[in-house]
C-alpha atoms as a PDB file:
ATOM      1  CA  MET A   1      -8.358  75.759   6.513  1.00  0.00           C
ATOM      2  CA  ALA A   2     -10.810  78.378   7.432  1.00  0.00           C
ATOM      3  CA  SER A   3      -9.670  80.978  10.199  1.00  0.00           C
ATOM      4  CA  ASN A   4     -11.835  81.846  13.177  1.00  0.00           C
ATOM      5  CA  ARG A   5     -10.315  85.017  13.676  1.00  0.00           C
ATOM      6  CA  PRO A   6     -12.637  88.266  13.067  1.00  0.00           C
ATOM      7  CA  ALA A   7     -12.205  90.539   9.979  1.00  0.00           C
ATOM      8  CA  PRO A   8     -10.062  93.664  10.991  1.00  0.00           C
ATOM      9  CA  GLN A   9     -12.172  96.839  11.846  1.00  0.00           C
ATOM     10  CA  ALA A  10     -11.338 100.342  11.094  1.00  0.00           C
ATOM     11  CA  ALA A  11     -10.245 102.747  13.908  1.00  0.00           C
ATOM     12  CA  TYR A  12     -13.060 104.502  15.562  1.00  0.00           C
ATOM     13  CA  ILE A  13     -12.804 108.225  16.037  1.00  0.00           C
ATOM     14  CA  PRO A  14     -15.627 109.896  18.185  1.00  0.00           C
ATOM     15  CA  ASN A  15     -17.167 113.221  16.931  1.00  0.00           C
ATOM     16  CA  ASP A  16     -19.727 115.828  18.209  1.00  0.00           C
ATOM     17  CA  ASP A  17     -22.862 114.036  16.933  1.00  0.00           C
ATOM     18  CA  ASP A  18     -21.858 111.183  19.243  1.00  0.00           C
ATOM     19  CA  PHE A  19     -22.370 113.444  22.170  1.00  0.00           C
ATOM     20  CA  GLY A  20     -26.064 114.425  21.317  1.00  0.00           C
ATOM     21  CA  GLY A  21     -25.117 117.921  20.030  1.00  0.00           C
ATOM     22  CA  TYR A  22     -23.787 119.070  23.319  1.00  0.00           C
ATOM     23  CA  ASP A  23     -20.523 120.902  23.664  1.00  0.00           C
ATOM     24  CA  PRO A  24     -18.104 118.702  25.546  1.00  0.00           C
ATOM     25  CA  GLU A  25     -16.409 121.766  26.929  1.00  0.00           C
ATOM     26  CA  THR A  26     -19.769 122.675  28.853  1.00  0.00           C
ATOM     27  CA  TRP A  27     -19.964 119.212  30.523  1.00  0.00           C
ATOM     28  CA  GLU A  28     -20.020 118.851  34.269  1.00  0.00           C
ATOM     29  CA  GLU A  29     -18.175 116.193  35.934  1.00  0.00           C
ATOM     30  CA  TRP A  30     -20.232 113.141  36.217  1.00  0.00           C
ATOM     31  CA  ASN A  31     -20.255 111.127  39.447  1.00  0.00           C
ATOM     32  CA  PRO A  32     -21.876 107.836  38.682  1.00  0.00           C
ATOM     33  CA  THR A  33     -24.081 106.431  41.453  1.00  0.00           C
ATOM     34  CA  GLU A  34     -25.886 103.061  41.858  1.00  0.00           C
ATOM     35  CA  GLU A  35     -29.236 104.371  40.598  1.00  0.00           C
ATOM     36  CA  SER A  36     -27.471 105.928  37.412  1.00  0.00           C
ATOM     37  CA  VAL A  37     -25.341 102.911  36.534  1.00  0.00           C
ATOM     38  CA  ARG A  38     -27.144 100.066  35.172  1.00  0.00           C
ATOM     39  CA  PRO A  39     -25.760  96.497  35.525  1.00  0.00           C
ATOM     40  CA  VAL A  40     -24.277  95.139  32.355  1.00  0.00           C
ATOM     41  CA  ARG A  41     -25.403  91.538  31.838  1.00  0.00           C
ATOM     42  CA  GLY A  42     -24.189  89.265  29.216  1.00  0.00           C
ATOM     43  CA  ARG A  43     -23.030  85.966  28.278  1.00  0.00           C
ATOM     44  CA  HIS A  44     -19.545  84.881  27.370  1.00  0.00           C
ATOM     45  CA  ARG A  45     -19.240  82.214  24.987  1.00  0.00           C
ATOM     46  CA  VAL A  46     -16.279  79.874  24.460  1.00  0.00           C
ATOM     47  CA  HIS A  47     -16.184  78.359  20.903  1.00  0.00           C
ATOM     48  CA  LYS A  48     -15.491  74.726  21.102  1.00  0.00           C
ATOM     49  CA  LYS A  49     -13.756  72.772  18.378  1.00  0.00           C
ATOM     50  CA  GLY A  50     -14.296  69.428  17.677  1.00  0.00           C
ATOM     51  CA  GLY A  51     -14.997  66.942  20.384  1.00  0.00           C
ATOM     52  CA  GLY A  52     -13.876  68.970  23.532  1.00  0.00           C
ATOM     53  CA  GLY A  53     -10.728  70.753  22.396  1.00  0.00           C
ATOM     54  CA  LEU A  54      -9.784  74.263  23.725  1.00  0.00           C
ATOM     55  CA  ALA A  55     -11.237  77.475  21.922  1.00  0.00           C
ATOM     56  CA  ARG A  56      -8.258  78.886  20.330  1.00  0.00           C
ATOM     57  CA  SER A  57     -10.050  81.671  18.455  1.00  0.00           C
ATOM     58  CA  SER A  58     -11.612  83.143  21.411  1.00  0.00           C
ATOM     59  CA  THR A  59      -8.470  82.894  23.543  1.00  0.00           C
ATOM     60  CA  VAL A  60      -6.729  84.701  20.756  1.00  0.00           C
ATOM     61  CA  LEU A  61      -9.329  87.408  20.535  1.00  0.00           C
ATOM     62  CA  GLY A  62      -9.102  88.055  24.387  1.00  0.00           C
ATOM     63  CA  VAL A  63      -5.469  88.298  23.962  1.00  0.00           C
ATOM     64  CA  GLY A  64      -5.737  90.809  21.183  1.00  0.00           C
ATOM     65  CA  VAL A  65      -8.219  93.026  23.076  1.00  0.00           C
ATOM     66  CA  ILE A  66      -5.997  93.147  26.246  1.00  0.00           C
ATOM     67  CA  ALA A  67      -3.104  94.036  23.871  1.00  0.00           C
ATOM     68  CA  ALA A  68      -5.172  96.838  22.215  1.00  0.00           C
ATOM     69  CA  VAL A  69      -6.178  98.366  25.557  1.00  0.00           C
ATOM     70  CA  GLY A  70      -2.767  98.397  26.773  1.00  0.00           C
ATOM     71  CA  ALA A  71      -1.317  99.824  23.686  1.00  0.00           C
ATOM     72  CA  GLY A  72      -4.124 102.588  23.348  1.00  0.00           C
ATOM     73  CA  GLY A  73      -4.800 103.367  27.032  1.00  0.00           C
ATOM     74  CA  MET A  74      -8.091 104.724  28.499  1.00  0.00           C
ATOM     75  CA  ALA A  75      -9.353 108.153  27.908  1.00  0.00           C
ATOM     76  CA  THR A  76     -10.480 109.970  31.133  1.00  0.00           C
ATOM     77  CA  ALA A  77     -12.736 113.013  30.865  1.00  0.00           C
ATOM     78  CA  GLN A  78     -11.360 115.896  32.719  1.00  0.00           C
ATOM     79  CA  ASP A  79     -13.010 119.203  33.182  1.00  0.00           C
ATOM     80  CA  GLY A  80     -11.961 121.924  30.781  1.00  0.00           C
ATOM     81  CA  LYS A  81     -10.041 119.446  28.552  1.00  0.00           C
ATOM     82  CA  PRO A  82     -11.232 118.261  25.129  1.00  0.00           C
ATOM     83  CA  PRO A  83     -12.107 114.570  24.728  1.00  0.00           C
ATOM     84  CA  VAL A  84      -9.044 112.391  23.559  1.00  0.00           C
ATOM     85  CA  SER A  85      -9.720 110.035  20.701  1.00  0.00           C
ATOM     86  CA  ILE A  86      -9.124 106.355  21.247  1.00  0.00           C
ATOM     87  CA  SER A  87      -7.779 104.313  18.320  1.00  0.00           C
ATOM     88  CA  MET A  88      -8.003 100.662  18.399  1.00  0.00           C
ATOM     89  CA  PRO A  89      -5.302  98.479  16.808  1.00  0.00           C
ATOM     90  CA  ASP A  90      -5.782  96.332  13.835  1.00  0.00           C
ATOM     91  CA  LEU A  91      -6.861  93.078  15.623  1.00  0.00           C
ATOM     92  CA  GLY A  92      -5.995  91.107  12.479  1.00  0.00           C
ATOM     93  CA  ALA A  93      -2.419  92.405  12.544  1.00  0.00           C
ATOM     94  CA  VAL A  94      -2.209  91.479  16.202  1.00  0.00           C
ATOM     95  CA  THR A  95      -3.706  87.887  15.937  1.00  0.00           C
ATOM     96  CA  ASP A  96      -1.489  87.247  12.759  1.00  0.00           C
ATOM     97  CA  SER A  97       1.678  87.936  14.833  1.00  0.00           C
ATOM     98  CA  LEU A  98       0.634  85.615  17.750  1.00  0.00           C
ATOM     99  CA  PRO A  99       1.957  82.055  17.696  1.00  0.00           C
ATOM    100  CA  ALA A 100      -0.394  79.139  17.070  1.00  0.00           C
ATOM    101  CA  ALA A 101      -1.804  77.536  20.363  1.00  0.00           C
ATOM    102  CA  GLU A 102      -0.539  74.108  19.273  1.00  0.00           C
ATOM    103  CA  SER A 103       2.892  75.448  19.270  1.00  0.00           C
ATOM    104  CA  LEU A 104       3.008  76.677  22.972  1.00  0.00           C
ATOM    105  CA  PRO A 105       4.554  74.276  25.410  1.00  0.00           C
ATOM    106  CA  GLY A 106       2.063  72.212  27.388  1.00  0.00           C
ATOM    107  CA  VAL A 107      -0.887  73.559  25.475  1.00  0.00           C
ATOM    108  CA  GLY A 108      -0.794  71.776  22.269  1.00  0.00           C
ATOM    109  CA  ALA A 109      -1.127  68.308  23.953  1.00  0.00           C
ATOM    110  CA  LEU A 110      -4.449  69.897  25.516  1.00  0.00           C
ATOM    111  CA  LEU A 111      -5.822  70.704  22.141  1.00  0.00           C
ATOM    112  CA  SER A 112      -7.596  67.821  20.400  1.00  0.00           C
ATOM    113  CA  ASP A 113      -7.664  67.728  16.481  1.00  0.00           C
ATOM    114  CA  ASP A 114     -10.310  65.499  15.153  1.00  0.00           C
ATOM    115  CA  SER A 115      -8.715  65.626  11.843  1.00  0.00           C
ATOM    116  CA  ALA A 116      -5.430  64.189  12.946  1.00  0.00           C
ATOM    117  CA  ALA A 117      -7.105  60.899  14.370  1.00  0.00           C
ATOM    118  CA  PRO A 118      -7.677  58.232  11.830  1.00  0.00           C
ATOM    119  CA  ALA A 119     -11.333  57.190  11.184  1.00  0.00           C
ATOM    120  CA  GLY A 120     -12.427  54.178  13.375  1.00  0.00           C
ATOM    121  CA  ALA A 121      -9.543  54.741  15.711  1.00  0.00           C
ATOM    122  CA  GLU A 122     -10.265  54.029  19.326  1.00  0.00           C
ATOM    123  CA  THR A 123      -8.487  55.537  22.396  1.00  0.00           C
ATOM    124  CA  VAL A 124      -7.058  52.687  24.517  1.00  0.00           C
ATOM    125  CA  ALA A 125      -6.772  53.651  28.160  1.00  0.00           C
ATOM    126  CA  ALA A 126      -4.511  51.925  30.466  1.00  0.00           C
ATOM    127  CA  PRO A 127      -6.145  49.706  32.891  1.00  0.00           C
ATOM    128  CA  LEU A 128      -6.725  51.177  36.506  1.00  0.00           C
ATOM    129  CA  THR A 129      -4.886  48.283  38.074  1.00  0.00           C
ATOM    130  CA  ALA A 130      -1.734  49.419  36.347  1.00  0.00           C
ATOM    131  CA  ALA A 131      -1.811  52.767  38.167  1.00  0.00           C
ATOM    132  CA  GLY A 132       1.356  53.238  40.358  1.00  0.00           C
ATOM    133  CA  VAL A 133       3.475  50.593  38.421  1.00  0.00           C
ATOM    134  CA  SER A 134       6.930  52.257  37.507  1.00  0.00           C
ATOM    135  CA  HIS A 135       8.889  51.603  34.538  1.00  0.00           C
ATOM    136  CA  THR A 136      11.291  49.453  36.574  1.00  0.00           C
ATOM    137  CA  ASP A 137       8.355  47.324  37.857  1.00  0.00           C
ATOM    138  CA  ALA A 138       7.260  46.805  34.176  1.00  0.00           C
ATOM    139  CA  GLN A 139      10.642  45.761  33.145  1.00  0.00           C
ATOM    140  CA  GLN A 140      10.526  43.169  36.023  1.00  0.00           C
ATOM    141  CA  GLY A 141       7.234  41.752  34.822  1.00  0.00           C
ATOM    142  CA  THR A 142       5.257  43.360  37.513  1.00  0.00           C
ATOM    143  CA  THR A 143       1.849  44.749  35.906  1.00  0.00           C
ATOM    144  CA  ASP A 144      -0.354  44.937  39.158  1.00  0.00           C
ATOM    145  CA  ALA A 145      -0.107  48.123  41.225  1.00  0.00           C
ATOM    146  CA  GLY A 146      -0.739  46.146  44.566  1.00  0.00           C
ATOM    147  CA  GLU A 147       1.815  43.660  43.748  1.00  0.00           C
ATOM    148  CA  ALA A 148       4.264  46.306  42.879  1.00  0.00           C
ATOM    149  CA  LEU A 149       3.492  48.204  46.068  1.00  0.00           C
ATOM    150  CA  ARG A 150       3.957  45.059  47.983  1.00  0.00           C
ATOM    151  CA  ALA A 151       7.181  44.404  46.386  1.00  0.00           C
ATOM    152  CA  ARG A 152       8.654  47.964  47.119  1.00  0.00           C
ATOM    153  CA  ILE A 153       7.513  47.631  50.624  1.00  0.00           C
ATOM    154  CA  MET A 154       9.114  44.201  51.020  1.00  0.00           C
ATOM    155  CA  GLN A 155      12.265  45.722  49.431  1.00  0.00           C
ATOM    156  CA  GLN A 156      12.165  48.531  51.793  1.00  0.00           C
ATOM    157  CA  ALA A 157      11.836  46.283  54.749  1.00  0.00           C
ATOM    158  CA  GLU A 158      14.661  44.180  53.527  1.00  0.00           C
ATOM    159  CA  ASN A 159      16.897  47.315  53.249  1.00  0.00           C
ATOM    160  CA  GLN A 160      15.950  48.474  56.555  1.00  0.00           C
ATOM    161  CA  GLN A 161      16.580  44.877  57.926  1.00  0.00           C
ATOM    162  CA  ASP A 162      19.921  45.002  56.333  1.00  0.00           C
ATOM    163  CA  GLN A 163      20.775  48.313  57.795  1.00  0.00           C
ATOM    164  CA  ALA A 164      19.798  47.008  61.289  1.00  0.00           C
ATOM    165  CA  ASP A 165      21.880  43.816  60.723  1.00  0.00           C
ATOM    166  CA  ASP A 166      24.981  46.042  59.550  1.00  0.00           C
ATOM    167  CA  ALA A 167      24.568  48.320  62.565  1.00  0.00           C
ATOM    168  CA  VAL A 168      24.358  45.190  64.890  1.00  0.00           C
ATOM    169  CA  ARG A 169      27.329  43.624  63.198  1.00  0.00           C
ATOM    170  CA  SER A 170      29.188  46.977  63.455  1.00  0.00           C
ATOM    171  CA  ALA A 171      28.394  47.429  67.063  1.00  0.00           C
ATOM    172  CA  ALA A 172      29.574  43.674  67.765  1.00  0.00           C
ATOM    173  CA  GLU A 173      32.820  44.422  65.954  1.00  0.00           C
ATOM    174  CA  GLU A 174      33.384  47.619  67.734  1.00  0.00           C
ATOM    175  CA  ALA A 175      32.718  45.795  71.006  1.00  0.00           C
ATOM    176  CA  ALA A 176      34.974  43.030  70.036  1.00  0.00           C
ATOM    177  CA  VAL A 177      37.626  45.388  69.154  1.00  0.00           C
ATOM    178  CA  LYS A 178      37.181  47.235  72.565  1.00  0.00           C
ATOM    179  CA  LYS A 179      37.242  43.820  74.491  1.00  0.00           C
ATOM    180  CA  ALA A 180      40.333  42.914  72.557  1.00  0.00           C
ATOM    181  CA  ALA A 181      41.991  46.284  73.327  1.00  0.00           C
ATOM    182  CA  GLU A 182      41.098  46.034  77.137  1.00  0.00           C
ATOM    183  CA  GLU A 183      42.421  42.592  77.271  1.00  0.00           C
ATOM    184  CA  ALA A 184      45.509  43.426  75.642  1.00  0.00           C
ATOM    185  CA  ALA A 185      45.895  46.480  77.942  1.00  0.00           C
ATOM    186  CA  ALA A 186      45.240  44.320  81.057  1.00  0.00           C
ATOM    187  CA  GLN A 187      47.799  41.669  79.721  1.00  0.00           C
ATOM    188  CA  GLN A 188      50.309  44.599  79.244  1.00  0.00           C
ATOM    189  CA  ARG A 189      49.727  45.792  82.668  1.00  0.00           C
ATOM    190  CA  GLN A 190      49.971  42.268  84.328  1.00  0.00           C
ATOM    191  CA  ALA A 191      53.077  41.779  82.161  1.00  0.00           C
ATOM    192  CA  GLU A 192      54.425  45.242  83.392  1.00  0.00           C
ATOM    193  CA  ARG A 193      53.738  44.244  86.947  1.00  0.00           C
ATOM    194  CA  LYS A 194      55.196  40.810  86.606  1.00  0.00           C
ATOM    195  CA  ALA A 195      58.221  42.467  85.204  1.00  0.00           C
ATOM    196  CA  ASP A 196      58.446  44.965  87.900  1.00  0.00           C
ATOM    197  CA  ALA A 197      57.977  42.253  90.477  1.00  0.00           C
ATOM    198  CA  GLU A 198      60.981  40.228  88.846  1.00  0.00           C
ATOM    199  CA  ALA A 199      63.012  43.419  88.595  1.00  0.00           C
ATOM    200  CA  ALA A 200      62.366  44.096  92.473  1.00  0.00           C
ATOM    201  CA  ALA A 201      63.059  40.525  93.355  1.00  0.00           C
ATOM    202  CA  LYS A 202      66.377  40.596  91.291  1.00  0.00           C
ATOM    203  CA  LYS A 203      67.268  43.802  92.887  1.00  0.00           C
ATOM    204  CA  LYS A 204      66.490  42.346  96.269  1.00  0.00           C
ATOM    205  CA  LYS A 205      68.605  39.297  95.502  1.00  0.00           C
ATOM    206  CA  GLU A 206      71.413  41.396  94.308  1.00  0.00           C
ATOM    207  CA  ARG A 207      71.249  43.485  97.380  1.00  0.00           C
ATOM    208  CA  GLU A 208      71.275  40.273  99.564  1.00  0.00           C
ATOM    209  CA  ALA A 209      74.200  38.943  97.757  1.00  0.00           C
ATOM    210  CA  ARG A 210      76.194  42.066  97.897  1.00  0.00           C
ATOM    211  CA  GLU A 211      75.279  42.236 101.825  1.00  0.00           C
ATOM    212  CA  ALA A 212      76.278  38.622 102.170  1.00  0.00           C
ATOM    213  CA  LYS A 213      79.311  39.255 100.262  1.00  0.00           C
ATOM    214  CA  ALA A 214      80.133  42.330 102.382  1.00  0.00           C
ATOM    215  CA  LEU A 215      79.476  40.429 105.575  1.00  0.00           C
ATOM    216  CA  ALA A 216      81.685  37.451 104.427  1.00  0.00           C
ATOM    217  CA  GLU A 217      84.476  39.912 103.599  1.00  0.00           C
ATOM    218  CA  ARG A 218      84.122  41.539 107.020  1.00  0.00           C
ATOM    219  CA  ARG A 219      84.142  38.252 108.690  1.00  0.00           C
ATOM    220  CA  ALA A 220      87.209  37.110 106.599  1.00  0.00           C
ATOM    221  CA  LYS A 221      88.828  40.227 107.699  1.00  0.00           C
ATOM    222  CA  LEU A 222      87.889  39.605 111.390  1.00  0.00           C
ATOM    223  CA  ALA A 223      88.802  36.098 111.019  1.00  0.00           C
ATOM    224  CA  LYS A 224      92.290  37.189 110.218  1.00  0.00           C
ATOM    225  CA  SER A 225      92.301  39.046 113.695  1.00  0.00           C
ATOM    226  CA  TYR A 226      90.390  36.545 115.643  1.00  0.00           C
ATOM    227  CA  ALA A 227      91.193  32.807 116.074  1.00  0.00           C
ATOM    228  CA  LEU A 228      89.399  29.762 117.672  1.00  0.00           C
ATOM    229  CA  PRO A 229      90.604  29.060 121.090  1.00  0.00           C
ATOM    230  CA  THR A 230      91.799  25.396 120.450  1.00  0.00           C
ATOM    231  CA  SER A 231      92.064  22.795 117.854  1.00  0.00           C
ATOM    232  CA  SER A 232      91.167  18.985 117.413  1.00  0.00           C
ATOM    233  CA  TYR A 233      88.191  19.398 119.731  1.00  0.00           C
ATOM    234  CA  THR A 234      84.614  18.374 119.954  1.00  0.00           C
ATOM    235  CA  ILE A 235      81.672  20.482 121.181  1.00  0.00           C
ATOM    236  CA  THR A 236      80.071  18.863 124.095  1.00  0.00           C
ATOM    237  CA  SER A 237      77.884  21.311 125.891  1.00  0.00           C
ATOM    238  CA  HIS A 238      76.291  24.605 124.604  1.00  0.00           C
ATOM    239  CA  PHE A 239      75.396  27.897 126.411  1.00  0.00           C
ATOM    240  CA  GLY A 240      72.088  27.788 128.354  1.00  0.00           C
ATOM    241  CA  VAL A 241      71.551  24.001 128.558  1.00  0.00           C
ATOM    242  CA  ALA A 242      69.917  23.122 132.073  1.00  0.00           C
ATOM    243  CA  GLY A 243      71.144  20.810 134.558  1.00  0.00           C
ATOM    244  CA  SER A 244      71.981  20.191 138.235  1.00  0.00           C
ATOM    245  CA  MET A 245      75.773  19.916 137.457  1.00  0.00           C
ATOM    246  CA  TRP A 246      75.901  23.714 137.161  1.00  0.00           C
ATOM    247  CA  SER A 247      75.510  25.951 140.369  1.00  0.00           C
ATOM    248  CA  SER A 248      73.496  28.418 138.431  1.00  0.00           C
ATOM    249  CA  GLY A 249      71.178  25.687 137.144  1.00  0.00           C
ATOM    250  CA  HIS A 250      72.277  26.089 133.506  1.00  0.00           C
ATOM    251  CA  HIS A 251      75.504  26.018 131.483  1.00  0.00           C
ATOM    252  CA  THR A 252      76.908  29.323 131.318  1.00  0.00           C
ATOM    253  CA  GLY A 253      79.650  28.722 128.462  1.00  0.00           C
ATOM    254  CA  LEU A 254      80.666  26.563 125.488  1.00  0.00           C
ATOM    255  CA  ASP A 255      82.752  23.429 126.197  1.00  0.00           C
ATOM    256  CA  PHE A 256      85.466  22.092 123.795  1.00  0.00           C
ATOM    257  CA  ALA A 257      86.461  18.408 124.711  1.00  0.00           C
ATOM    258  CA  ALA A 258      90.163  17.791 123.843  1.00  0.00           C
ATOM    259  CA  PRO A 259      93.012  15.630 125.239  1.00  0.00           C
ATOM    260  CA  THR A 260      94.811  17.028 128.201  1.00  0.00           C
ATOM    261  CA  GLY A 261      97.722  19.348 127.325  1.00  0.00           C
ATOM    262  CA  THR A 262      96.119  20.591 123.995  1.00  0.00           C
ATOM    263  CA  PRO A 263      97.244  24.129 123.442  1.00  0.00           C
ATOM    264  CA  LEU A 264      94.867  27.166 124.282  1.00  0.00           C
ATOM    265  CA  LYS A 265      95.142  30.249 122.026  1.00  0.00           C
ATOM    266  CA  ALA A 266      94.295  33.852 122.533  1.00  0.00           C
ATOM    267  CA  VAL A 267      91.090  34.523 120.313  1.00  0.00           C
ATOM    268  CA  HIS A 268      92.237  38.190 119.982  1.00  0.00           C
ATOM    269  CA  THR A 269      94.805  40.689 120.984  1.00  0.00           C
ATOM    270  CA  GLY A 270      94.310  41.771 124.660  1.00  0.00           C
ATOM    271  CA  THR A 271      95.573  41.880 128.067  1.00  0.00           C
ATOM    272  CA  VAL A 272      95.638  39.161 130.628  1.00  0.00           C
ATOM    273  CA  LYS A 273      93.280  40.509 133.443  1.00  0.00           C
ATOM    274  CA  GLU A 274      93.520  37.359 135.801  1.00  0.00           C
ATOM    275  CA  ALA A 275      95.401  34.166 135.794  1.00  0.00           C
ATOM    276  CA  GLY A 276      95.145  31.667 138.722  1.00  0.00           C
ATOM    277  CA  TRP A 277      92.839  29.188 140.716  1.00  0.00           C
ATOM    278  CA  ALA A 278      89.225  29.921 140.495  1.00  0.00           C
ATOM    279  CA  GLY A 279      87.520  27.269 142.655  1.00  0.00           C
ATOM    280  CA  ALA A 280      84.829  25.317 140.618  1.00  0.00           C
ATOM    281  CA  TYR A 281      86.527  26.642 137.352  1.00  0.00           C
ATOM    282  CA  GLY A 282      89.754  25.265 138.285  1.00  0.00           C
ATOM    283  CA  TYR A 283      92.842  27.129 136.697  1.00  0.00           C
ATOM    284  CA  ARG A 284      91.379  30.026 134.776  1.00  0.00           C
ATOM    285  CA  THR A 285      92.851  32.787 132.552  1.00  0.00           C
ATOM    286  CA  VAL A 286      90.754  36.115 131.933  1.00  0.00           C
ATOM    287  CA  LEU A 287      91.580  37.816 128.734  1.00  0.00           C
ATOM    288  CA  GLU A 288      90.322  41.404 128.443  1.00  0.00           C
ATOM    289  CA  LEU A 289      89.994  42.907 124.816  1.00  0.00           C
ATOM    290  CA  SER A 290      90.352  46.545 123.874  1.00  0.00           C
ATOM    291  CA  ASP A 291      86.403  46.967 123.877  1.00  0.00           C
ATOM    292  CA  GLY A 292      86.092  45.503 127.562  1.00  0.00           C
ATOM    293  CA  THR A 293      84.968  42.188 126.471  1.00  0.00           C
ATOM    294  CA  GLU A 294      86.278  39.443 128.739  1.00  0.00           C
ATOM    295  CA  VAL A 295      87.080  35.912 127.515  1.00  0.00           C
ATOM    296  CA  TRP A 296      87.454  33.234 130.182  1.00  0.00           C
ATOM    297  CA  TYR A 297      89.529  30.071 129.845  1.00  0.00           C
ATOM    298  CA  CYS A 298      88.467  27.457 132.493  1.00  0.00           C
ATOM    299  CA  HIS A 299      89.795  24.013 133.790  1.00  0.00           C
ATOM    300  CA  GLN A 300      93.311  24.426 132.353  1.00  0.00           C
ATOM    301  CA  SER A 301      96.066  21.959 133.193  1.00  0.00           C
ATOM    302  CA  SER A 302      98.586  24.745 133.240  1.00  0.00           C
ATOM    303  CA  MET A 303      98.818  28.538 132.435  1.00  0.00           C
ATOM    304  CA  ASN A 304     101.511  30.252 130.213  1.00  0.00           C
ATOM    305  CA  VAL A 305     100.685  33.837 130.986  1.00  0.00           C
ATOM    306  CA  SER A 306     100.205  35.942 134.081  1.00  0.00           C
ATOM    307  CA  ALA A 307      98.166  39.124 134.805  1.00  0.00           C
ATOM    308  CA  GLY A 308      98.909  42.289 133.049  1.00  0.00           C
ATOM    309  CA  GLN A 309     100.584  40.414 130.191  1.00  0.00           C
ATOM    310  CA  LYS A 310      99.766  41.690 126.613  1.00  0.00           C
ATOM    311  CA  VAL A 311      99.062  38.915 124.108  1.00  0.00           C
ATOM    312  CA  SER A 312      98.166  38.846 120.441  1.00  0.00           C
ATOM    313  CA  THR A 313      95.797  36.741 118.330  1.00  0.00           C
ATOM    314  CA  GLY A 314      96.877  32.965 118.301  1.00  0.00           C
ATOM    315  CA  ASP A 315      99.357  33.198 121.373  1.00  0.00           C
ATOM    316  CA  VAL A 316      99.256  29.990 123.449  1.00  0.00           C
ATOM    317  CA  ILE A 317      98.087  31.191 126.946  1.00  0.00           C
ATOM    318  CA  GLY A 318      97.612  27.620 128.414  1.00  0.00           C
ATOM    319  CA  ARG A 319      96.567  24.135 127.993  1.00  0.00           C
ATOM    320  CA  VAL A 320      93.588  21.914 128.215  1.00  0.00           C
ATOM    321  CA  GLY A 321      93.043  20.100 131.712  1.00  0.00           C
ATOM    322  CA  ALA A 322      90.369  18.753 134.052  1.00  0.00           C
ATOM    323  CA  THR A 323      90.792  20.944 137.114  1.00  0.00           C
ATOM    324  CA  GLY A 324      87.724  22.132 139.139  1.00  0.00           C
ATOM    325  CA  ASN A 325      84.298  20.779 138.927  1.00  0.00           C
ATOM    326  CA  VAL A 326      84.611  18.658 135.665  1.00  0.00           C
ATOM    327  CA  THR A 327      83.901  15.041 134.448  1.00  0.00           C
ATOM    328  CA  GLY A 328      86.753  15.040 131.921  1.00  0.00           C
ATOM    329  CA  PRO A 329      89.377  17.064 130.122  1.00  0.00           C
ATOM    330  CA  HIS A 330      87.909  20.070 128.078  1.00  0.00           C
ATOM    331  CA  LEU A 331      88.008  23.809 127.901  1.00  0.00           C
ATOM    332  CA  HIS A 332      85.107  25.660 129.305  1.00  0.00           C
ATOM    333  CA  MET A 333      84.973  29.174 127.551  1.00  0.00           C
ATOM    334  CA  GLU A 334      82.703  32.045 128.738  1.00  0.00           C
ATOM    335  CA  VAL A 335      82.412  35.503 127.074  1.00  0.00           C
ATOM    336  CA  HIS A 336      81.244  38.503 129.253  1.00  0.00           C
ATOM    337  CA  THR A 337      80.311  41.988 128.104  1.00  0.00           C
ATOM    338  CA  ALA A 338      81.999  45.200 129.371  1.00  0.00           C
ATOM    339  CA  GLY A 339      78.864  45.503 131.502  1.00  0.00           C
ATOM    340  CA  GLY A 340      79.213  42.239 132.885  1.00  0.00           C
ATOM    341  CA  SER A 341      76.498  40.167 131.162  1.00  0.00           C
ATOM    342  CA  THR A 342      77.174  36.726 130.046  1.00  0.00           C
ATOM    343  CA  VAL A 343      76.549  35.975 126.323  1.00  0.00           C
ATOM    344  CA  ASP A 344      76.570  32.786 124.170  1.00  0.00           C
ATOM    345  CA  PRO A 345      80.247  32.226 123.153  1.00  0.00           C
ATOM    346  CA  LEU A 346      79.187  30.291 119.810  1.00  0.00           C
ATOM    347  CA  ALA A 347      77.226  33.323 118.718  1.00  0.00           C
ATOM    348  CA  TRP A 348      80.099  35.696 119.688  1.00  0.00           C
ATOM    349  CA  LEU A 349      82.665  33.784 117.741  1.00  0.00           C
ATOM    350  CA  GLN A 350      80.451  33.693 114.567  1.00  0.00           C
ATOM    351  CA  SER A 351      80.055  37.264 114.901  1.00  0.00           C
ATOM    352  CA  LYS A 352      83.840  37.485 114.613  1.00  0.00           C
ATOM    353  CA  GLY A 353      83.785  35.222 111.470  1.00  0.00           C
ATOM    354  CA  LEU A 354      84.769  32.098 113.204  1.00  0.00           C
ATOM    355  CA  ASN A 355      82.571  28.902 113.013  1.00  0.00           C
ATOM    356  CA  PRO A 356      83.430  26.379 115.793  1.00  0.00           C
END
């Protein structure tokens, strides 16, 4: 195969004849001007090989010239110095050492070699409609670029919709979890409040039970030191009942109806303050307790004690009768405080642990 590289040329060495007989040492410095410099015009040709390939020989020649200039350098005329000879390298040696253009990466594919193509062969170009069709699209049977683009857009839209659905589903799940947690917390708080209320009610019940027990114990203890004024009786009239039968307009005591002669007992330890006739009260005994409370026993048929006498709980101090202003035999019992006020005998007896 014939080479397009030029034949090597001998190195050129300038001599005195090349400078027109002038002595270079007598030259003056030349300052070029626009009038003294004539523009150089020329044509650069690029040799084309075959049907449109790159001009490899011209490229190689240009590379060789650049290499020669770089290796030899440029001579500069300076005042008082002899001219320096410029030696040009052997272009043939330079071009022989350069690699072939076909072997350069990315260049060989751009060079066309008519000899490599078989006779009668025609280049078949891909149809324009196949532009943009990826290898994956081709494997899936898609050959139309528009259809492939539409398919990718639809796939992207589906992916975005799936992501949106996942986001909505995740948000719904998070909301459900949050709501369940809030409901559980509310139920827990409600259960705690209910437990607290039950505990408070239980404590209250226990406290009331303790108080009732203590009251019962206190009353039982008092009952041992207090006694009912009589036995085998019937309550016929309560304190405060209104009527014309009483001078005050209402009943001032508690009536125990019993047969005449039924024993009357001291309700508590005390001192007999009075014992005798008291008009409408008939025969009356006044028993004064240690705290100043007075207990009156009225309408007695007989009296067993006298004023100033000390009695104890349960001692017989008289008997049931019908003396004074009465309609039948009974004990009319009144209770007066140390200040002189009249109180309900039934409530007073109950406060002492007694239940007539």
